[in-house]
Amino acid sequence: MKYIKEILVLVLLFLIIIGFFPRQASACSCAIPESVKDELNRKTAVFSGKVIKMKDVNRLSYIKSSGDPIKVLFDVNESWKGIDTSQVIVSAARSSASCGYEFELNKEYLVYAYGEIDNLETGICERTALLTAAGEDLEILGKGIEPTVKVDLQDELGNSNVILSFTIIVILLLIGFIFRKRMKKS
C-alpha cells in the first residue's frame, strides 16, 4: 500500500511537470502525401507557374482568419493536367496554420490544385512546392505542355476598388465644380 501511494504521488508530480512544458500545437495536420502519379490522377490541375499577382479577399475586413482565401494569379509555364491557358487563378487559405499555402510574388511553383477548373484551390497538404524544391516531382512528371490559349486574368483579381474610388472622386469633383459655378452666378 505504501508503494502505491508513492507511485501515485510520482505520477501526479510527473503530470504536473508536463503541464508546465506544453508542446506546440498546429491547427493543420496533413496525411502522408500520395505519390506524384496518384496526385496527378486525383487533382484537377497540375502546372508550374510564376506568381504575378495576389489578392487578399478579406484585406479590408476588420476580423481576419488564417483560413481567409487569398487568390493567386499565375503565369503558367508548363501544364501536366487541366490547364491550357497562359494564366490561371488559384485560391489558398491565408496561412499554413489553416492548411493554406503562403505564396510569394515573383516566385515559381509546381502547383497541384483541386476543385472546379474555374475555382481551383491548393494548400500545404497537396504536393504544391517551390519549383526549385520540386525536382523529384518534375523528374517523375516529365516534360509538360506549354499553354496554348493566351489569356489575361489580371482584371479578374481586380482593381475594381481603385476604379470605383476614382470614379466617385471624379463625380464629386464635377458636382463641386458645378455647385461652385452656380454659387458664383447668384
C-alpha atoms as a PDB file:
ATOM      1  CA  MET A   1       0.000   0.000   0.000  1.00  0.00           C
ATOM      2  CA  LYS A   2       2.893   2.327   0.823  1.00  0.00           C
ATOM      3  CA  TYR A   3       4.383   1.814  -2.658  1.00  0.00           C
ATOM      4  CA  ILE A   4       1.072   2.538  -4.357  1.00  0.00           C
ATOM      5  CA  LYS A   5       0.850   5.944  -2.636  1.00  0.00           C
ATOM      6  CA  GLU A   6       4.451   6.761  -3.631  1.00  0.00           C
ATOM      7  CA  ILE A   7       3.793   5.739  -7.249  1.00  0.00           C
ATOM      8  CA  LEU A   8       0.585   7.829  -7.357  1.00  0.00           C
ATOM      9  CA  VAL A   9       2.464  10.862  -5.973  1.00  0.00           C
ATOM     10  CA  LEU A  10       5.240  10.409  -8.580  1.00  0.00           C
ATOM     11  CA  VAL A  11       2.694  10.065 -11.423  1.00  0.00           C
ATOM     12  CA  LEU A  12       0.849  13.156 -10.176  1.00  0.00           C
ATOM     13  CA  LEU A  13       4.109  15.155  -9.984  1.00  0.00           C
ATOM     14  CA  PHE A  14       5.052  13.945 -13.457  1.00  0.00           C
ATOM     15  CA  LEU A  15       1.692  15.090 -14.883  1.00  0.00           C
ATOM     16  CA  ILE A  16       2.034  18.495 -13.190  1.00  0.00           C
ATOM     17  CA  ILE A  17       5.556  18.970 -14.574  1.00  0.00           C
ATOM     18  CA  ILE A  18       4.417  18.014 -18.085  1.00  0.00           C
ATOM     19  CA  GLY A  19       1.673  20.645 -17.801  1.00  0.00           C
ATOM     20  CA  PHE A  20       4.330  23.358 -17.349  1.00  0.00           C
ATOM     21  CA  PHE A  21       6.009  22.467 -20.658  1.00  0.00           C
ATOM     22  CA  PRO A  22       3.279  22.360 -23.293  1.00  0.00           C
ATOM     23  CA  ARG A  23       4.152  21.262 -26.793  1.00  0.00           C
ATOM     24  CA  GLN A  24       3.441  23.430 -29.776  1.00  0.00           C
ATOM     25  CA  ALA A  25       0.172  22.553 -31.461  1.00  0.00           C
ATOM     26  CA  SER A  26      -0.646  23.006 -35.105  1.00  0.00           C
ATOM     27  CA  ALA A  27      -4.120  23.635 -36.466  1.00  0.00           C
ATOM     28  CA  CYS A  28      -3.307  21.895 -39.742  1.00  0.00           C
ATOM     29  CA  SER A  29      -2.421  18.248 -39.920  1.00  0.00           C
ATOM     30  CA  CYS A  30      -1.793  16.528 -43.234  1.00  0.00           C
ATOM     31  CA  ALA A  31      -1.782  12.867 -44.119  1.00  0.00           C
ATOM     32  CA  ILE A  32       1.302  11.431 -45.767  1.00  0.00           C
ATOM     33  CA  PRO A  33       1.270  12.804 -49.332  1.00  0.00           C
ATOM     34  CA  GLU A  34       0.314  10.441 -52.126  1.00  0.00           C
ATOM     35  CA  SER A  35       2.806   9.599 -54.851  1.00  0.00           C
ATOM     36  CA  VAL A  36       3.286  12.016 -57.742  1.00  0.00           C
ATOM     37  CA  LYS A  37       1.396   9.685 -60.121  1.00  0.00           C
ATOM     38  CA  ASP A  38      -1.530   9.303 -57.680  1.00  0.00           C
ATOM     39  CA  GLU A  39      -1.731  13.059 -57.127  1.00  0.00           C
ATOM     40  CA  LEU A  40      -1.589  13.652 -60.883  1.00  0.00           C
ATOM     41  CA  ASN A  41      -4.604  11.344 -61.259  1.00  0.00           C
ATOM     42  CA  ARG A  42      -6.544  12.826 -58.297  1.00  0.00           C
ATOM     43  CA  LYS A  43      -6.032  16.564 -58.884  1.00  0.00           C
ATOM     44  CA  THR A  44      -7.988  18.755 -61.281  1.00  0.00           C
ATOM     45  CA  ALA A  45      -4.863  20.624 -62.416  1.00  0.00           C
ATOM     46  CA  VAL A  46      -1.104  20.239 -62.151  1.00  0.00           C
ATOM     47  CA  PHE A  47       1.072  23.016 -63.547  1.00  0.00           C
ATOM     48  CA  SER A  48       4.162  25.121 -62.963  1.00  0.00           C
ATOM     49  CA  GLY A  49       3.997  28.878 -62.961  1.00  0.00           C
ATOM     50  CA  LYS A  50       5.167  32.196 -61.588  1.00  0.00           C
ATOM     51  CA  VAL A  51       3.081  34.203 -59.095  1.00  0.00           C
ATOM     52  CA  ILE A  52       2.412  37.586 -60.707  1.00  0.00           C
ATOM     53  CA  LYS A  53      -0.378  38.936 -58.526  1.00  0.00           C
ATOM     54  CA  MET A  54      -2.142  38.131 -55.264  1.00  0.00           C
ATOM     55  CA  LYS A  55      -5.416  39.384 -53.837  1.00  0.00           C
ATOM     56  CA  ASP A  56      -6.379  39.110 -50.197  1.00  0.00           C
ATOM     57  CA  VAL A  57     -10.137  38.701 -50.487  1.00  0.00           C
ATOM     58  CA  ASN A  58     -10.740  39.934 -46.919  1.00  0.00           C
ATOM     59  CA  ARG A  59      -7.989  42.564 -46.927  1.00  0.00           C
ATOM     60  CA  LEU A  60     -10.281  45.327 -45.697  1.00  0.00           C
ATOM     61  CA  SER A  61     -12.138  43.173 -43.195  1.00  0.00           C
ATOM     62  CA  TYR A  62     -11.855  44.136 -39.537  1.00  0.00           C
ATOM     63  CA  ILE A  63     -11.788  40.492 -38.448  1.00  0.00           C
ATOM     64  CA  LYS A  64      -9.387  38.201 -40.267  1.00  0.00           C
ATOM     65  CA  SER A  65      -8.852  34.483 -40.061  1.00  0.00           C
ATOM     66  CA  SER A  66      -5.942  32.276 -41.067  1.00  0.00           C
ATOM     67  CA  GLY A  67      -8.480  30.457 -43.243  1.00  0.00           C
ATOM     68  CA  ASP A  68      -9.452  33.527 -45.283  1.00  0.00           C
ATOM     69  CA  PRO A  69      -8.880  32.946 -49.001  1.00  0.00           C
ATOM     70  CA  ILE A  70      -6.032  34.513 -50.928  1.00  0.00           C
ATOM     71  CA  LYS A  71      -6.414  34.467 -54.723  1.00  0.00           C
ATOM     72  CA  VAL A  72      -3.159  33.944 -56.582  1.00  0.00           C
ATOM     73  CA  LEU A  73      -2.627  34.705 -60.281  1.00  0.00           C
ATOM     74  CA  PHE A  74      -0.029  32.554 -62.041  1.00  0.00           C
ATOM     75  CA  ASP A  75       1.697  32.924 -65.377  1.00  0.00           C
ATOM     76  CA  VAL A  76       1.680  29.273 -66.443  1.00  0.00           C
ATOM     77  CA  ASN A  77       4.960  27.822 -67.749  1.00  0.00           C
ATOM     78  CA  GLU A  78       4.020  24.160 -68.188  1.00  0.00           C
ATOM     79  CA  SER A  79       0.956  22.025 -67.548  1.00  0.00           C
ATOM     80  CA  TRP A  80       0.648  18.323 -66.883  1.00  0.00           C
ATOM     81  CA  LYS A  81      -3.098  18.298 -66.330  1.00  0.00           C
ATOM     82  CA  GLY A  82      -6.137  20.556 -66.614  1.00  0.00           C
ATOM     83  CA  ILE A  83      -4.582  23.868 -67.692  1.00  0.00           C
ATOM     84  CA  ASP A  84      -4.244  25.049 -71.291  1.00  0.00           C
ATOM     85  CA  THR A  85      -4.318  28.798 -70.574  1.00  0.00           C
ATOM     86  CA  SER A  86      -1.361  31.129 -70.147  1.00  0.00           C
ATOM     87  CA  GLN A  87      -2.690  32.354 -66.783  1.00  0.00           C
ATOM     88  CA  VAL A  88      -4.711  30.751 -64.008  1.00  0.00           C
ATOM     89  CA  ILE A  89      -6.108  31.834 -60.626  1.00  0.00           C
ATOM     90  CA  VAL A  90      -5.784  29.505 -57.640  1.00  0.00           C
ATOM     91  CA  SER A  91      -7.102  30.096 -54.120  1.00  0.00           C
ATOM     92  CA  ALA A  92      -5.404  29.110 -50.882  1.00  0.00           C
ATOM     93  CA  ALA A  93      -6.091  29.823 -47.227  1.00  0.00           C
ATOM     94  CA  ARG A  94      -4.190  32.857 -45.888  1.00  0.00           C
ATOM     95  CA  SER A  95      -1.950  30.849 -43.564  1.00  0.00           C
ATOM     96  CA  SER A  96      -0.375  27.431 -43.305  1.00  0.00           C
ATOM     97  CA  ALA A  97      -1.996  27.210 -39.846  1.00  0.00           C
ATOM     98  CA  SER A  98      -5.234  26.593 -41.770  1.00  0.00           C
ATOM     99  CA  CYS A  99      -3.524  24.328 -44.312  1.00  0.00           C
ATOM    100  CA  GLY A 100      -3.123  27.233 -46.756  1.00  0.00           C
ATOM    101  CA  TYR A 101      -0.062  27.751 -48.891  1.00  0.00           C
ATOM    102  CA  GLU A 102       1.758  31.038 -48.353  1.00  0.00           C
ATOM    103  CA  PHE A 103       2.764  32.010 -51.889  1.00  0.00           C
ATOM    104  CA  GLU A 104       5.254  34.809 -52.599  1.00  0.00           C
ATOM    105  CA  LEU A 105       5.200  37.235 -55.520  1.00  0.00           C
ATOM    106  CA  ASN A 106       7.597  36.582 -58.414  1.00  0.00           C
ATOM    107  CA  LYS A 107       8.453  33.057 -57.261  1.00  0.00           C
ATOM    108  CA  GLU A 108       7.806  29.935 -59.338  1.00  0.00           C
ATOM    109  CA  TYR A 109       5.861  26.947 -58.045  1.00  0.00           C
ATOM    110  CA  LEU A 110       4.738  23.481 -59.015  1.00  0.00           C
ATOM    111  CA  VAL A 111       1.027  23.560 -58.152  1.00  0.00           C
ATOM    112  CA  TYR A 112      -1.285  20.621 -57.524  1.00  0.00           C
ATOM    113  CA  ALA A 113      -4.829  22.052 -57.465  1.00  0.00           C
ATOM    114  CA  TYR A 114      -8.270  20.576 -56.846  1.00  0.00           C
ATOM    115  CA  GLY A 115     -11.835  21.793 -57.320  1.00  0.00           C
ATOM    116  CA  GLU A 116     -13.649  23.096 -60.375  1.00  0.00           C
ATOM    117  CA  ILE A 117     -11.395  24.378 -63.161  1.00  0.00           C
ATOM    118  CA  ASP A 118     -12.722  27.925 -62.675  1.00  0.00           C
ATOM    119  CA  ASN A 119     -12.380  27.701 -58.874  1.00  0.00           C
ATOM    120  CA  LEU A 120      -9.103  25.904 -58.184  1.00  0.00           C
ATOM    121  CA  GLU A 121      -7.659  25.559 -54.676  1.00  0.00           C
ATOM    122  CA  THR A 122      -4.446  24.289 -53.147  1.00  0.00           C
ATOM    123  CA  GLY A 123      -2.708  24.108 -49.773  1.00  0.00           C
ATOM    124  CA  ILE A 124       0.207  22.654 -47.858  1.00  0.00           C
ATOM    125  CA  CYS A 125      -1.385  19.199 -47.772  1.00  0.00           C
ATOM    126  CA  GLU A 126      -1.080  18.962 -51.545  1.00  0.00           C
ATOM    127  CA  ARG A 127       2.289  18.418 -53.220  1.00  0.00           C
ATOM    128  CA  THR A 128       2.446  22.131 -54.148  1.00  0.00           C
ATOM    129  CA  ALA A 129       6.007  23.410 -53.708  1.00  0.00           C
ATOM    130  CA  LEU A 130       8.541  25.968 -54.853  1.00  0.00           C
ATOM    131  CA  LEU A 131       9.746  24.924 -58.273  1.00  0.00           C
ATOM    132  CA  THR A 132      13.346  24.851 -57.028  1.00  0.00           C
ATOM    133  CA  ALA A 133      12.311  22.274 -54.386  1.00  0.00           C
ATOM    134  CA  ALA A 134      10.198  20.124 -56.708  1.00  0.00           C
ATOM    135  CA  GLY A 135      12.988  18.394 -58.627  1.00  0.00           C
ATOM    136  CA  GLU A 136      11.857  14.869 -57.783  1.00  0.00           C
ATOM    137  CA  ASP A 137       8.260  15.603 -58.833  1.00  0.00           C
ATOM    138  CA  LEU A 138       9.397  17.256 -62.084  1.00  0.00           C
ATOM    139  CA  GLU A 139      11.577  14.259 -62.904  1.00  0.00           C
ATOM    140  CA  ILE A 140       8.611  11.905 -62.460  1.00  0.00           C
ATOM    141  CA  LEU A 141       6.162  14.183 -64.304  1.00  0.00           C
ATOM    142  CA  GLY A 142       8.456  14.616 -67.280  1.00  0.00           C
ATOM    143  CA  LYS A 143       8.038  17.373 -69.850  1.00  0.00           C
ATOM    144  CA  GLY A 144       4.826  19.350 -69.528  1.00  0.00           C
ATOM    145  CA  ILE A 145       2.814  21.116 -72.202  1.00  0.00           C
ATOM    146  CA  GLU A 146       3.114  24.856 -72.783  1.00  0.00           C
ATOM    147  CA  PRO A 147      -0.170  26.804 -72.626  1.00  0.00           C
ATOM    148  CA  THR A 148      -1.988  27.048 -75.946  1.00  0.00           C
ATOM    149  CA  VAL A 149      -4.626  29.649 -75.041  1.00  0.00           C
ATOM    150  CA  LYS A 150      -3.394  33.181 -74.333  1.00  0.00           C
ATOM    151  CA  VAL A 151      -5.471  34.925 -71.626  1.00  0.00           C
ATOM    152  CA  ASP A 152      -5.085  37.967 -69.371  1.00  0.00           C
ATOM    153  CA  LEU A 153      -6.735  37.426 -65.993  1.00  0.00           C
ATOM    154  CA  GLN A 154      -5.197  40.446 -64.226  1.00  0.00           C
ATOM    155  CA  ASP A 155      -8.530  42.286 -64.229  1.00  0.00           C
ATOM    156  CA  GLU A 156     -10.291  39.322 -62.627  1.00  0.00           C
ATOM    157  CA  LEU A 157      -8.273  39.857 -59.459  1.00  0.00           C
ATOM    158  CA  GLY A 158      -9.335  43.375 -59.990  1.00  0.00           C
ATOM    159  CA  ASN A 159      -8.570  46.915 -59.315  1.00  0.00           C
ATOM    160  CA  SER A 160     -12.310  47.410 -59.044  1.00  0.00           C
ATOM    161  CA  ASN A 161     -11.968  49.249 -55.725  1.00  0.00           C
ATOM    162  CA  VAL A 162      -9.437  51.624 -57.270  1.00  0.00           C
ATOM    163  CA  ILE A 163     -11.607  52.227 -60.332  1.00  0.00           C
ATOM    164  CA  LEU A 164     -14.707  52.682 -58.182  1.00  0.00           C
ATOM    165  CA  SER A 165     -12.887  55.105 -55.872  1.00  0.00           C
ATOM    166  CA  PHE A 166     -11.513  57.073 -58.818  1.00  0.00           C
ATOM    167  CA  THR A 167     -14.979  57.264 -60.409  1.00  0.00           C
ATOM    168  CA  ILE A 168     -16.550  58.529 -57.171  1.00  0.00           C
ATOM    169  CA  ILE A 169     -13.830  61.180 -56.759  1.00  0.00           C
ATOM    170  CA  VAL A 170     -14.322  62.404 -60.338  1.00  0.00           C
ATOM    171  CA  ILE A 171     -18.107  62.608 -59.867  1.00  0.00           C
ATOM    172  CA  LEU A 172     -17.696  64.501 -56.568  1.00  0.00           C
ATOM    173  CA  LEU A 173     -15.260  66.938 -58.196  1.00  0.00           C
ATOM    174  CA  LEU A 174     -17.696  67.554 -61.067  1.00  0.00           C
ATOM    175  CA  ILE A 175     -20.566  68.156 -58.636  1.00  0.00           C
ATOM    176  CA  GLY A 176     -18.359  70.524 -56.630  1.00  0.00           C
ATOM    177  CA  PHE A 177     -17.332  72.392 -59.785  1.00  0.00           C
ATOM    178  CA  ILE A 178     -20.958  72.758 -60.948  1.00  0.00           C
ATOM    179  CA  PHE A 179     -22.078  73.813 -57.475  1.00  0.00           C
ATOM    180  CA  ARG A 180     -19.296  76.438 -57.298  1.00  0.00           C
ATOM    181  CA  LYS A 181     -20.220  77.828 -60.733  1.00  0.00           C
ATOM    182  CA  ARG A 182     -23.841  78.210 -59.673  1.00  0.00           C
ATOM    183  CA  MET A 183     -22.857  79.897 -56.408  1.00  0.00           C
ATOM    184  CA  LYS A 184     -20.758  82.468 -58.309  1.00  0.00           C
ATOM    185  CA  LYS A 185     -23.677  83.287 -60.652  1.00  0.00           C
ATOM    186  CA  SER A 186     -26.039  84.107 -57.788  1.00  0.00           C
END
